[in-house]
PDB file of N, CA and C in Angstrom:
ATOM      1  N   MET A   1       0.800  -1.206   0.000  1.00  0.00           N
ATOM      2  CA  MET A   1       0.000   0.000   0.000  1.00  0.00           C
ATOM      3  C   MET A   1       0.843   1.270   0.000  1.00  0.00           C
ATOM      4  N   LYS A   2       2.051   1.227   0.489  1.00  0.00           N
ATOM      5  CA  LYS A   2       2.872   2.421   0.566  1.00  0.00           C
ATOM      6  C   LYS A   2       3.514   2.778  -0.773  1.00  0.00           C
ATOM      7  N   LYS A   3       3.519   1.869  -1.730  1.00  0.00           N
ATOM      8  CA  LYS A   3       4.153   2.123  -3.010  1.00  0.00           C
ATOM      9  C   LYS A   3       3.569   3.349  -3.717  1.00  0.00           C
ATOM     10  N   PRO A   4       2.240   3.481  -3.826  1.00  0.00           N
ATOM     11  CA  PRO A   4       1.702   4.650  -4.521  1.00  0.00           C
ATOM     12  C   PRO A   4       2.147   5.970  -3.877  1.00  0.00           C
ATOM     13  N   ILE A   5       2.233   6.014  -2.570  1.00  0.00           N
ATOM     14  CA  ILE A   5       2.661   7.239  -1.890  1.00  0.00           C
ATOM     15  C   ILE A   5       4.118   7.538  -2.225  1.00  0.00           C
ATOM     16  N   HIS A   6       4.956   6.493  -2.221  1.00  0.00           N
ATOM     17  CA  HIS A   6       6.362   6.685  -2.558  1.00  0.00           C
ATOM     18  C   HIS A   6       6.526   7.152  -4.003  1.00  0.00           C
ATOM     19  N   ILE A   7       5.756   6.595  -4.896  1.00  0.00           N
ATOM     20  CA  ILE A   7       5.832   6.984  -6.307  1.00  0.00           C
ATOM     21  C   ILE A   7       5.424   8.445  -6.465  1.00  0.00           C
ATOM     22  N   VAL A   8       4.362   8.841  -5.792  1.00  0.00           N
ATOM     23  CA  VAL A   8       3.900  10.229  -5.858  1.00  0.00           C
ATOM     24  C   VAL A   8       4.980  11.162  -5.311  1.00  0.00           C
ATOM     25  N   CYS A   9       5.606  10.792  -4.208  1.00  0.00           N
ATOM     26  CA  CYS A   9       6.674  11.616  -3.625  1.00  0.00           C
ATOM     27  C   CYS A   9       7.864  11.743  -4.563  1.00  0.00           C
ATOM     28  N   VAL A  10       8.256  10.649  -5.168  1.00  0.00           N
ATOM     29  CA  VAL A  10       9.383  10.667  -6.106  1.00  0.00           C
ATOM     30  C   VAL A  10       9.047  11.529  -7.315  1.00  0.00           C
ATOM     31  N   LEU A  11       7.851  11.380  -7.862  1.00  0.00           N
ATOM     32  CA  LEU A  11       7.448  12.196  -9.005  1.00  0.00           C
ATOM     33  C   LEU A  11       7.399  13.675  -8.647  1.00  0.00           C
ATOM     34  N   PHE A  12       6.909  13.978  -7.458  1.00  0.00           N
ATOM     35  CA  PHE A  12       6.852  15.363  -7.005  1.00  0.00           C
ATOM     36  C   PHE A  12       8.259  15.949  -6.899  1.00  0.00           C
ATOM     37  N   CYS A  13       9.186  15.203  -6.327  1.00  0.00           N
ATOM     38  CA  CYS A  13      10.573  15.669  -6.186  1.00  0.00           C
ATOM     39  C   CYS A  13      11.222  15.874  -7.540  1.00  0.00           C
ATOM     40  N   LEU A  14      10.995  14.956  -8.460  1.00  0.00           N
ATOM     41  CA  LEU A  14      11.561  15.106  -9.804  1.00  0.00           C
ATOM     42  C   LEU A  14      10.999  16.329 -10.511  1.00  0.00           C
ATOM     43  N   ALA A  15       9.715  16.572 -10.350  1.00  0.00           N
ATOM     44  CA  ALA A  15       9.099  17.753 -10.963  1.00  0.00           C
ATOM     45  C   ALA A  15       9.674  19.037 -10.374  1.00  0.00           C
ATOM     46  N   ALA A  16       9.892  19.059  -9.068  1.00  0.00           N
ATOM     47  CA  ALA A  16      10.460  20.244  -8.424  1.00  0.00           C
ATOM     48  C   ALA A  16      11.879  20.498  -8.899  1.00  0.00           C
ATOM     49  N   VAL A  17      12.671  19.454  -9.026  1.00  0.00           N
ATOM     50  CA  VAL A  17      14.045  19.595  -9.515  1.00  0.00           C
ATOM     51  C   VAL A  17      14.044  20.081 -10.952  1.00  0.00           C
ATOM     52  N   ALA A  18      13.187  19.519 -11.784  1.00  0.00           N
ATOM     53  CA  ALA A  18      13.115  19.916 -13.189  1.00  0.00           C
ATOM     54  C   ALA A  18      12.693  21.376 -13.324  1.00  0.00           C
ATOM     55  N   ALA A  19      11.770  21.818 -12.503  1.00  0.00           N
ATOM     56  CA  ALA A  19      11.324  23.212 -12.554  1.00  0.00           C
ATOM     57  C   ALA A  19      12.444  24.146 -12.139  1.00  0.00           C
ATOM     58  N   GLY A  20      13.219  23.771 -11.173  1.00  0.00           N
ATOM     59  CA  GLY A  20      14.328  24.601 -10.720  1.00  0.00           C
ATOM     60  C   GLY A  20      15.460  24.663 -11.713  1.00  0.00           C
ATOM     61  N   CYS A  21      15.644  23.620 -12.492  1.00  0.00           N
ATOM     62  CA  CYS A  21      16.729  23.574 -13.465  1.00  0.00           C
ATOM     63  C   CYS A  21      16.359  24.274 -14.763  1.00  0.00           C
ATOM     64  N   GLY A  22      15.108  24.555 -14.948  1.00  0.00           N
ATOM     65  CA  GLY A  22      14.676  25.150 -16.206  1.00  0.00           C
ATOM     66  C   GLY A  22      15.181  26.561 -16.422  1.00  0.00           C
ATOM     67  N   LYS A  23      15.495  27.283 -15.394  1.00  0.00           N
ATOM     68  CA  LYS A  23      15.931  28.663 -15.533  1.00  0.00           C
ATOM     69  C   LYS A  23      17.338  28.789 -14.996  1.00  0.00           C
ATOM     70  N   GLN A  24      18.273  29.027 -15.893  1.00  0.00           N
ATOM     71  CA  GLN A  24      19.662  29.156 -15.494  1.00  0.00           C
ATOM     72  C   GLN A  24      19.983  30.620 -15.225  1.00  0.00           C
ATOM     73  N   ALA A  25      20.990  30.843 -14.405  1.00  0.00           N
ATOM     74  CA  ALA A  25      21.432  32.208 -14.122  1.00  0.00           C
ATOM     75  C   ALA A  25      21.839  32.878 -15.418  1.00  0.00           C
ATOM     76  N   GLY A  26      21.403  34.100 -15.578  1.00  0.00           N
ATOM     77  CA  GLY A  26      21.769  34.851 -16.767  1.00  0.00           C
ATOM     78  C   GLY A  26      20.823  34.618 -17.929  1.00  0.00           C
ATOM     79  N   SER A  27      19.730  33.898 -17.708  1.00  0.00           N
ATOM     80  CA  SER A  27      18.814  33.625 -18.805  1.00  0.00           C
ATOM     81  C   SER A  27      17.796  34.746 -19.005  1.00  0.00           C
ATOM     82  N   GLU A  28      17.665  35.645 -18.049  1.00  0.00           N
ATOM     83  CA  GLU A  28      16.800  36.815 -18.228  1.00  0.00           C
ATOM     84  C   GLU A  28      17.479  37.730 -19.239  1.00  0.00           C
ATOM     85  N   HIS A  29      16.704  38.334 -20.123  1.00  0.00           N
ATOM     86  CA  HIS A  29      17.318  39.221 -21.107  1.00  0.00           C
ATOM     87  C   HIS A  29      16.323  40.260 -21.602  1.00  0.00           C
ATOM     88  N   PHE A  30      16.871  41.335 -22.159  1.00  0.00           N
ATOM     89  CA  PHE A  30      16.051  42.348 -22.802  1.00  0.00           C
ATOM     90  C   PHE A  30      16.897  43.100 -23.817  1.00  0.00           C
ATOM     91  N   THR A  31      16.217  43.759 -24.740  1.00  0.00           N
ATOM     92  CA  THR A  31      16.886  44.548 -25.773  1.00  0.00           C
ATOM     93  C   THR A  31      16.928  46.001 -25.320  1.00  0.00           C
ATOM     94  N   ALA A  32      18.079  46.640 -25.533  1.00  0.00           N
ATOM     95  CA  ALA A  32      18.258  48.018 -25.078  1.00  0.00           C
ATOM     96  C   ALA A  32      19.170  48.774 -26.032  1.00  0.00           C
ATOM     97  N   LYS A  33      19.113  50.094 -25.931  1.00  0.00           N
ATOM     98  CA  LYS A  33      20.008  50.964 -26.699  1.00  0.00           C
ATOM     99  C   LYS A  33      21.061  51.510 -25.742  1.00  0.00           C
ATOM    100  N   ILE A  34      22.304  51.478 -26.166  1.00  0.00           N
ATOM    101  CA  ILE A  34      23.381  52.018 -25.334  1.00  0.00           C
ATOM    102  C   ILE A  34      23.307  53.542 -25.376  1.00  0.00           C
ATOM    103  N   VAL A  35      23.158  54.139 -24.196  1.00  0.00           N
ATOM    104  CA  VAL A  35      23.048  55.582 -24.070  1.00  0.00           C
ATOM    105  C   VAL A  35      24.424  56.201 -23.859  1.00  0.00           C
ATOM    106  N   GLU A  36      25.250  55.530 -23.045  1.00  0.00           N
ATOM    107  CA  GLU A  36      26.565  56.089 -22.717  1.00  0.00           C
ATOM    108  C   GLU A  36      27.526  54.975 -22.319  1.00  0.00           C
ATOM    109  N   ILE A  37      28.764  55.126 -22.748  1.00  0.00           N
ATOM    110  CA  ILE A  37      29.838  54.239 -22.303  1.00  0.00           C
ATOM    111  C   ILE A  37      30.871  55.123 -21.628  1.00  0.00           C
ATOM    112  N   SER A  38      31.146  54.832 -20.358  1.00  0.00           N
ATOM    113  CA  SER A  38      32.098  55.625 -19.582  1.00  0.00           C
ATOM    114  C   SER A  38      33.059  54.666 -18.888  1.00  0.00           C
ATOM    115  N   GLY A  39      34.224  54.492 -19.496  1.00  0.00           N
ATOM    116  CA  GLY A  39      35.183  53.544 -18.940  1.00  0.00           C
ATOM    117  C   GLY A  39      34.620  52.138 -19.003  1.00  0.00           C
ATOM    118  N   ASP A  40      34.440  51.518 -17.840  1.00  0.00           N
ATOM    119  CA  ASP A  40      33.938  50.152 -17.736  1.00  0.00           C
ATOM    120  C   ASP A  40      32.422  50.107 -17.546  1.00  0.00           C
ATOM    121  N   SER A  41      31.796  51.268 -17.359  1.00  0.00           N
ATOM    122  CA  SER A  41      30.353  51.332 -17.082  1.00  0.00           C
ATOM    123  C   SER A  41      29.568  51.667 -18.344  1.00  0.00           C
ATOM    124  N   ILE A  42      28.421  51.014 -18.464  1.00  0.00           N
ATOM    125  CA  ILE A  42      27.547  51.252 -19.615  1.00  0.00           C
ATOM    126  C   ILE A  42      26.147  51.573 -19.110  1.00  0.00           C
ATOM    127  N   LEU A  43      25.563  52.607 -19.693  1.00  0.00           N
ATOM    128  CA  LEU A  43      24.205  53.026 -19.392  1.00  0.00           C
ATOM    129  C   LEU A  43      23.348  52.643 -20.596  1.00  0.00           C
ATOM    130  N   ALA A  44      22.253  51.924 -20.360  1.00  0.00           N
ATOM    131  CA  ALA A  44      21.407  51.440 -21.444  1.00  0.00           C
ATOM    132  C   ALA A  44      19.948  51.731 -21.163  1.00  0.00           C
ATOM    133  N   GLU A  45      19.221  52.021 -22.241  1.00  0.00           N
ATOM    134  CA  GLU A  45      17.782  52.293 -22.163  1.00  0.00           C
ATOM    135  C   GLU A  45      17.025  51.138 -22.821  1.00  0.00           C
ATOM    136  N   PRO A  46      16.167  50.444 -22.070  1.00  0.00           N
ATOM    137  CA  PRO A  46      15.427  49.322 -22.655  1.00  0.00           C
ATOM    138  C   PRO A  46      14.473  49.792 -23.746  1.00  0.00           C
ATOM    139  N   ASP A  47      14.248  48.931 -24.734  1.00  0.00           N
ATOM    140  CA  ASP A  47      13.258  49.232 -25.763  1.00  0.00           C
ATOM    141  C   ASP A  47      11.905  49.470 -25.107  1.00  0.00           C
ATOM    142  N   PRO A  48      11.079  50.320 -25.705  1.00  0.00           N
ATOM    143  CA  PRO A  48       9.786  50.676 -25.100  1.00  0.00           C
ATOM    144  C   PRO A  48       8.880  49.481 -24.791  1.00  0.00           C
ATOM    145  N   GLU A  49       8.930  48.420 -25.589  1.00  0.00           N
ATOM    146  CA  GLU A  49       8.035  47.280 -25.370  1.00  0.00           C
ATOM    147  C   GLU A  49       8.555  46.285 -24.340  1.00  0.00           C
ATOM    148  N   GLU A  50       9.763  46.481 -23.841  1.00  0.00           N
ATOM    149  CA  GLU A  50      10.339  45.551 -22.861  1.00  0.00           C
ATOM    150  C   GLU A  50       9.681  45.732 -21.490  1.00  0.00           C
ATOM    151  N   THR A  51       9.284  44.619 -20.867  1.00  0.00           N
ATOM    152  CA  THR A  51       8.612  44.683 -19.568  1.00  0.00           C
ATOM    153  C   THR A  51       9.552  45.143 -18.452  1.00  0.00           C
ATOM    154  N   VAL A  52      10.852  45.024 -18.667  1.00  0.00           N
ATOM    155  CA  VAL A  52      11.813  45.461 -17.659  1.00  0.00           C
ATOM    156  C   VAL A  52      11.716  46.979 -17.432  1.00  0.00           C
ATOM    157  N   ARG A  53      11.095  47.697 -18.369  1.00  0.00           N
ATOM    158  CA  ARG A  53      10.894  49.151 -18.218  1.00  0.00           C
ATOM    159  C   ARG A  53      10.015  49.456 -17.007  1.00  0.00           C
ATOM    160  N   ASN A  54       9.251  48.470 -16.540  1.00  0.00           N
ATOM    161  CA  ASN A  54       8.448  48.668 -15.328  1.00  0.00           C
ATOM    162  C   ASN A  54       9.344  48.910 -14.121  1.00  0.00           C
ATOM    163  N   SER A  55      10.599  48.442 -14.191  1.00  0.00           N
ATOM    164  CA  SER A  55      11.544  48.634 -13.093  1.00  0.00           C
ATOM    165  C   SER A  55      12.280  49.953 -13.222  1.00  0.00           C
ATOM    166  N   SER A  56      12.680  50.307 -14.438  1.00  0.00           N
ATOM    167  CA  SER A  56      13.432  51.547 -14.650  1.00  0.00           C
ATOM    168  C   SER A  56      13.515  51.840 -16.145  1.00  0.00           C
ATOM    169  N   ASP A  57      13.740  53.117 -16.470  1.00  0.00           N
ATOM    170  CA  ASP A  57      13.922  53.479 -17.869  1.00  0.00           C
ATOM    171  C   ASP A  57      15.409  53.515 -18.253  1.00  0.00           C
ATOM    172  N   LEU A  58      16.293  53.358 -17.271  1.00  0.00           N
ATOM    173  CA  LEU A  58      17.735  53.307 -17.519  1.00  0.00           C
ATOM    174  C   LEU A  58      18.381  52.241 -16.644  1.00  0.00           C
ATOM    175  N   PHE A  59      19.354  51.538 -17.219  1.00  0.00           N
ATOM    176  CA  PHE A  59      20.073  50.486 -16.503  1.00  0.00           C
ATOM    177  C   PHE A  59      21.567  50.710 -16.633  1.00  0.00           C
ATOM    178  N   LEU A  60      22.257  50.532 -15.531  1.00  0.00           N
ATOM    179  CA  LEU A  60      23.705  50.680 -15.479  1.00  0.00           C
ATOM    180  C   LEU A  60      24.316  49.316 -15.206  1.00  0.00           C
ATOM    181  N   PHE A  61      25.361  48.986 -15.970  1.00  0.00           N
ATOM    182  CA  PHE A  61      26.069  47.733 -15.723  1.00  0.00           C
ATOM    183  C   PHE A  61      27.533  47.898 -16.082  1.00  0.00           C
ATOM    184  N   SER A  62      28.332  46.993 -15.559  1.00  0.00           N
ATOM    185  CA  SER A  62      29.779  47.007 -15.790  1.00  0.00           C
ATOM    186  C   SER A  62      30.126  45.995 -16.865  1.00  0.00           C
ATOM    187  N   MET A  63      31.049  46.374 -17.745  1.00  0.00           N
ATOM    188  CA  MET A  63      31.535  45.418 -18.739  1.00  0.00           C
ATOM    189  C   MET A  63      32.279  44.289 -18.053  1.00  0.00           C
ATOM    190  N   GLY A  64      32.932  44.587 -16.925  1.00  0.00           N
ATOM    191  CA  GLY A  64      33.622  43.564 -16.148  1.00  0.00           C
ATOM    192  C   GLY A  64      34.350  42.566 -17.017  1.00  0.00           C
ATOM    193  N   GLU A  65      33.884  41.328 -16.988  1.00  0.00           N
ATOM    194  CA  GLU A  65      34.523  40.265 -17.761  1.00  0.00           C
ATOM    195  C   GLU A  65      33.741  39.926 -19.026  1.00  0.00           C
ATOM    196  N   LEU A  66      32.865  40.826 -19.458  1.00  0.00           N
ATOM    197  CA  LEU A  66      32.108  40.580 -20.682  1.00  0.00           C
ATOM    198  C   LEU A  66      33.033  40.640 -21.891  1.00  0.00           C
ATOM    199  N   ALA A  67      32.699  39.869 -22.902  1.00  0.00           N
ATOM    200  CA  ALA A  67      33.473  39.884 -24.138  1.00  0.00           C
ATOM    201  C   ALA A  67      33.312  41.238 -24.826  1.00  0.00           C
ATOM    202  N   GLU A  68      34.362  41.704 -25.460  1.00  0.00           N
ATOM    203  CA  GLU A  68      34.306  42.948 -26.236  1.00  0.00           C
ATOM    204  C   GLU A  68      33.550  42.656 -27.525  1.00  0.00           C
ATOM    205  N   ILE A  69      32.445  43.368 -27.753  1.00  0.00           N
ATOM    206  CA  ILE A  69      31.644  43.126 -28.955  1.00  0.00           C
ATOM    207  C   ILE A  69      31.661  44.335 -29.892  1.00  0.00           C
ATOM    208  N   GLY A  70      32.455  45.337 -29.566  1.00  0.00           N
ATOM    209  CA  GLY A  70      32.543  46.513 -30.417  1.00  0.00           C
ATOM    210  C   GLY A  70      31.331  47.419 -30.315  1.00  0.00           C
ATOM    211  N   ALA A  71      30.623  47.344 -29.205  1.00  0.00           N
ATOM    212  CA  ALA A  71      29.429  48.170 -29.018  1.00  0.00           C
ATOM    213  C   ALA A  71      29.812  49.626 -28.817  1.00  0.00           C
ATOM    214  N   GLU A  72      28.999  50.502 -29.392  1.00  0.00           N
ATOM    215  CA  GLU A  72      29.198  51.942 -29.269  1.00  0.00           C
ATOM    216  C   GLU A  72      27.893  52.604 -28.868  1.00  0.00           C
ATOM    217  N   GLN A  73      27.999  53.858 -28.456  1.00  0.00           N
ATOM    218  CA  GLN A  73      26.813  54.626 -28.087  1.00  0.00           C
ATOM    219  C   GLN A  73      25.824  54.608 -29.253  1.00  0.00           C
ATOM    220  N   GLY A  74      24.557  54.352 -28.949  1.00  0.00           N
ATOM    221  CA  GLY A  74      23.512  54.302 -29.959  1.00  0.00           C
ATOM    222  C   GLY A  74      23.222  52.907 -30.487  1.00  0.00           C
ATOM    223  N   ASP A  75      24.126  51.952 -30.252  1.00  0.00           N
ATOM    224  CA  ASP A  75      23.908  50.576 -30.716  1.00  0.00           C
ATOM    225  C   ASP A  75      22.810  49.904 -29.907  1.00  0.00           C
ATOM    226  N   LYS A  76      22.089  48.984 -30.576  1.00  0.00           N
ATOM    227  CA  LYS A  76      21.113  48.138 -29.894  1.00  0.00           C
ATOM    228  C   LYS A  76      21.797  46.843 -29.509  1.00  0.00           C
ATOM    229  N   VAL A  77      21.541  46.412 -28.275  1.00  0.00           N
ATOM    230  CA  VAL A  77      22.134  45.177 -27.765  1.00  0.00           C
ATOM    231  C   VAL A  77      21.079  44.347 -27.050  1.00  0.00           C
ATOM    232  N   ILE A  78      21.340  43.058 -26.955  1.00  0.00           N
ATOM    233  CA  ILE A  78      20.549  42.181 -26.102  1.00  0.00           C
ATOM    234  C   ILE A  78      21.393  41.946 -24.864  1.00  0.00           C
ATOM    235  N   LEU A  79      20.838  42.252 -23.696  1.00  0.00           N
ATOM    236  CA  LEU A  79      21.539  42.093 -22.423  1.00  0.00           C
ATOM    237  C   LEU A  79      20.991  40.880 -21.693  1.00  0.00           C
ATOM    238  N   PHE A  80      21.864  39.935 -21.355  1.00  0.00           N
ATOM    239  CA  PHE A  80      21.509  38.779 -20.547  1.00  0.00           C
ATOM    240  C   PHE A  80      21.996  39.074 -19.137  1.00  0.00           C
ATOM    241  N   TYR A  81      21.111  38.953 -18.159  1.00  0.00           N
ATOM    242  CA  TYR A  81      21.481  39.321 -16.790  1.00  0.00           C
ATOM    243  C   TYR A  81      20.945  38.296 -15.806  1.00  0.00           C
ATOM    244  N   THR A  82      21.402  38.412 -14.565  1.00  0.00           N
ATOM    245  CA  THR A  82      21.088  37.417 -13.535  1.00  0.00           C
ATOM    246  C   THR A  82      19.622  37.412 -13.118  1.00  0.00           C
ATOM    247  N   GLY A  83      18.885  38.442 -13.445  1.00  0.00           N
ATOM    248  CA  GLY A  83      17.480  38.532 -13.043  1.00  0.00           C
ATOM    249  C   GLY A  83      17.288  39.486 -11.886  1.00  0.00           C
ATOM    250  N   GLU A  84      18.368  39.796 -11.182  1.00  0.00           N
ATOM    251  CA  GLU A  84      18.292  40.727 -10.054  1.00  0.00           C
ATOM    252  C   GLU A  84      18.432  42.156 -10.582  1.00  0.00           C
ATOM    253  N   ILE A  85      17.537  43.029 -10.113  1.00  0.00           N
ATOM    254  CA  ILE A  85      17.591  44.455 -10.457  1.00  0.00           C
ATOM    255  C   ILE A  85      17.710  45.230  -9.164  1.00  0.00           C
ATOM    256  N   ARG A  86      18.833  45.951  -9.006  1.00  0.00           N
ATOM    257  CA  ARG A  86      19.021  46.772  -7.805  1.00  0.00           C
ATOM    258  C   ARG A  86      18.271  48.092  -8.003  1.00  0.00           C
ATOM    259  N   GLU A  87      17.437  48.415  -7.038  1.00  0.00           N
ATOM    260  CA  GLU A  87      16.551  49.568  -7.144  1.00  0.00           C
ATOM    261  C   GLU A  87      17.260  50.864  -6.804  1.00  0.00           C
ATOM    262  N   THR A  88      18.134  51.269  -7.692  1.00  0.00           N
ATOM    263  CA  THR A  88      18.808  52.559  -7.622  1.00  0.00           C
ATOM    264  C   THR A  88      18.378  53.315  -8.868  1.00  0.00           C
ATOM    265  N   TYR A  89      18.870  54.521  -9.034  1.00  0.00           N
ATOM    266  CA  TYR A  89      18.636  55.191 -10.313  1.00  0.00           C
ATOM    267  C   TYR A  89      19.949  55.722 -10.842  1.00  0.00           C
ATOM    268  N   PRO A  90      20.332  55.273 -12.013  1.00  0.00           N
ATOM    269  CA  PRO A  90      19.654  54.248 -12.800  1.00  0.00           C
ATOM    270  C   PRO A  90      19.728  52.886 -12.120  1.00  0.00           C
ATOM    271  N   ALA A  91      18.792  52.016 -12.476  1.00  0.00           N
ATOM    272  CA  ALA A  91      18.785  50.661 -11.906  1.00  0.00           C
ATOM    273  C   ALA A  91      20.080  49.957 -12.302  1.00  0.00           C
ATOM    274  N   GLN A  92      20.567  49.068 -11.433  1.00  0.00           N
ATOM    275  CA  GLN A  92      21.808  48.350 -11.718  1.00  0.00           C
ATOM    276  C   GLN A  92      21.530  46.870 -11.876  1.00  0.00           C
ATOM    277  N   ILE A  93      22.194  46.268 -12.871  1.00  0.00           N
ATOM    278  CA  ILE A  93      22.049  44.834 -13.128  1.00  0.00           C
ATOM    279  C   ILE A  93      23.434  44.230 -13.325  1.00  0.00           C
ATOM    280  N   ASP A  94      23.516  42.918 -13.125  1.00  0.00           N
ATOM    281  CA  ASP A  94      24.740  42.170 -13.391  1.00  0.00           C
ATOM    282  C   ASP A  94      24.547  41.440 -14.713  1.00  0.00           C
ATOM    283  N   VAL A  95      25.194  41.951 -15.744  1.00  0.00           N
ATOM    284  CA  VAL A  95      25.072  41.374 -17.080  1.00  0.00           C
ATOM    285  C   VAL A  95      26.045  40.208 -17.208  1.00  0.00           C
ATOM    286  N   THR A  96      25.535  39.079 -17.679  1.00  0.00           N
ATOM    287  CA  THR A  96      26.359  37.879 -17.841  1.00  0.00           C
ATOM    288  C   THR A  96      26.817  37.689 -19.285  1.00  0.00           C
ATOM    289  N   ASP A  97      26.109  38.316 -20.233  1.00  0.00           N
ATOM    290  CA  ASP A  97      26.468  38.227 -21.647  1.00  0.00           C
ATOM    291  C   ASP A  97      25.730  39.337 -22.378  1.00  0.00           C
ATOM    292  N   TRP A  98      26.235  39.691 -23.554  1.00  0.00           N
ATOM    293  CA  TRP A  98      25.555  40.684 -24.368  1.00  0.00           C
ATOM    294  C   TRP A  98      25.884  40.445 -25.819  1.00  0.00           C
ATOM    295  N   ARG A  99      24.956  40.886 -26.681  1.00  0.00           N
ATOM    296  CA  ARG A  99      25.142  40.684 -28.124  1.00  0.00           C
ATOM    297  C   ARG A  99      24.617  41.914 -28.859  1.00  0.00           C
ATOM    298  N   LEU A 100      25.314  42.277 -29.926  1.00  0.00           N
ATOM    299  CA  LEU A 100      24.832  43.355 -30.792  1.00  0.00           C
ATOM    300  C   LEU A 100      23.620  42.869 -31.557  1.00  0.00           C
ATOM    301  N   VAL A 101      22.641  43.743 -31.741  1.00  0.00           N
ATOM    302  CA  VAL A 101      21.471  43.437 -32.550  1.00  0.00           C
ATOM    303  C   VAL A 101      21.792  43.910 -33.962  1.00  0.00           C
ATOM    304  N   GLU A 102      21.590  43.049 -34.927  1.00  0.00           N
ATOM    305  CA  GLU A 102      21.856  43.399 -36.323  1.00  0.00           C
ATOM    306  C   GLU A 102      20.873  44.467 -36.766  1.00  0.00           C
ATOM    307  N   ASN A 103      21.377  45.478 -37.464  1.00  0.00           N
ATOM    308  CA  ASN A 103      20.510  46.516 -38.025  1.00  0.00           C
ATOM    309  C   ASN A 103      19.748  45.928 -39.209  1.00  0.00           C
ATOM    310  N   THR A 104      18.436  46.156 -39.213  1.00  0.00           N
ATOM    311  CA  THR A 104      17.631  45.641 -40.315  1.00  0.00           C
ATOM    312  C   THR A 104      17.036  46.749 -41.123  1.00  0.00           C
TER     313      THR A 104
END
């Protein structure tokens, strides 16, 4: 009689593990325009349709160990970040990767 309970518990645990593994750090992302580059710091404005604009209209992040992609002021980029937004102004994020958006 205890087998069905054990099976349900095992299935529940597997589902919880699978749900937790589905979202990796740095998988949050949004498209933004680079407003300013000052040394290692970059100020970016999210595209108007991005939901991250509910948090702030400007985001500051450090290039830190990011790959050099040749980004310049005015370029559109996709920013991948940890998901944490520090509530300062401008808001601060930890970017894990970034890519230039091709001009169309």
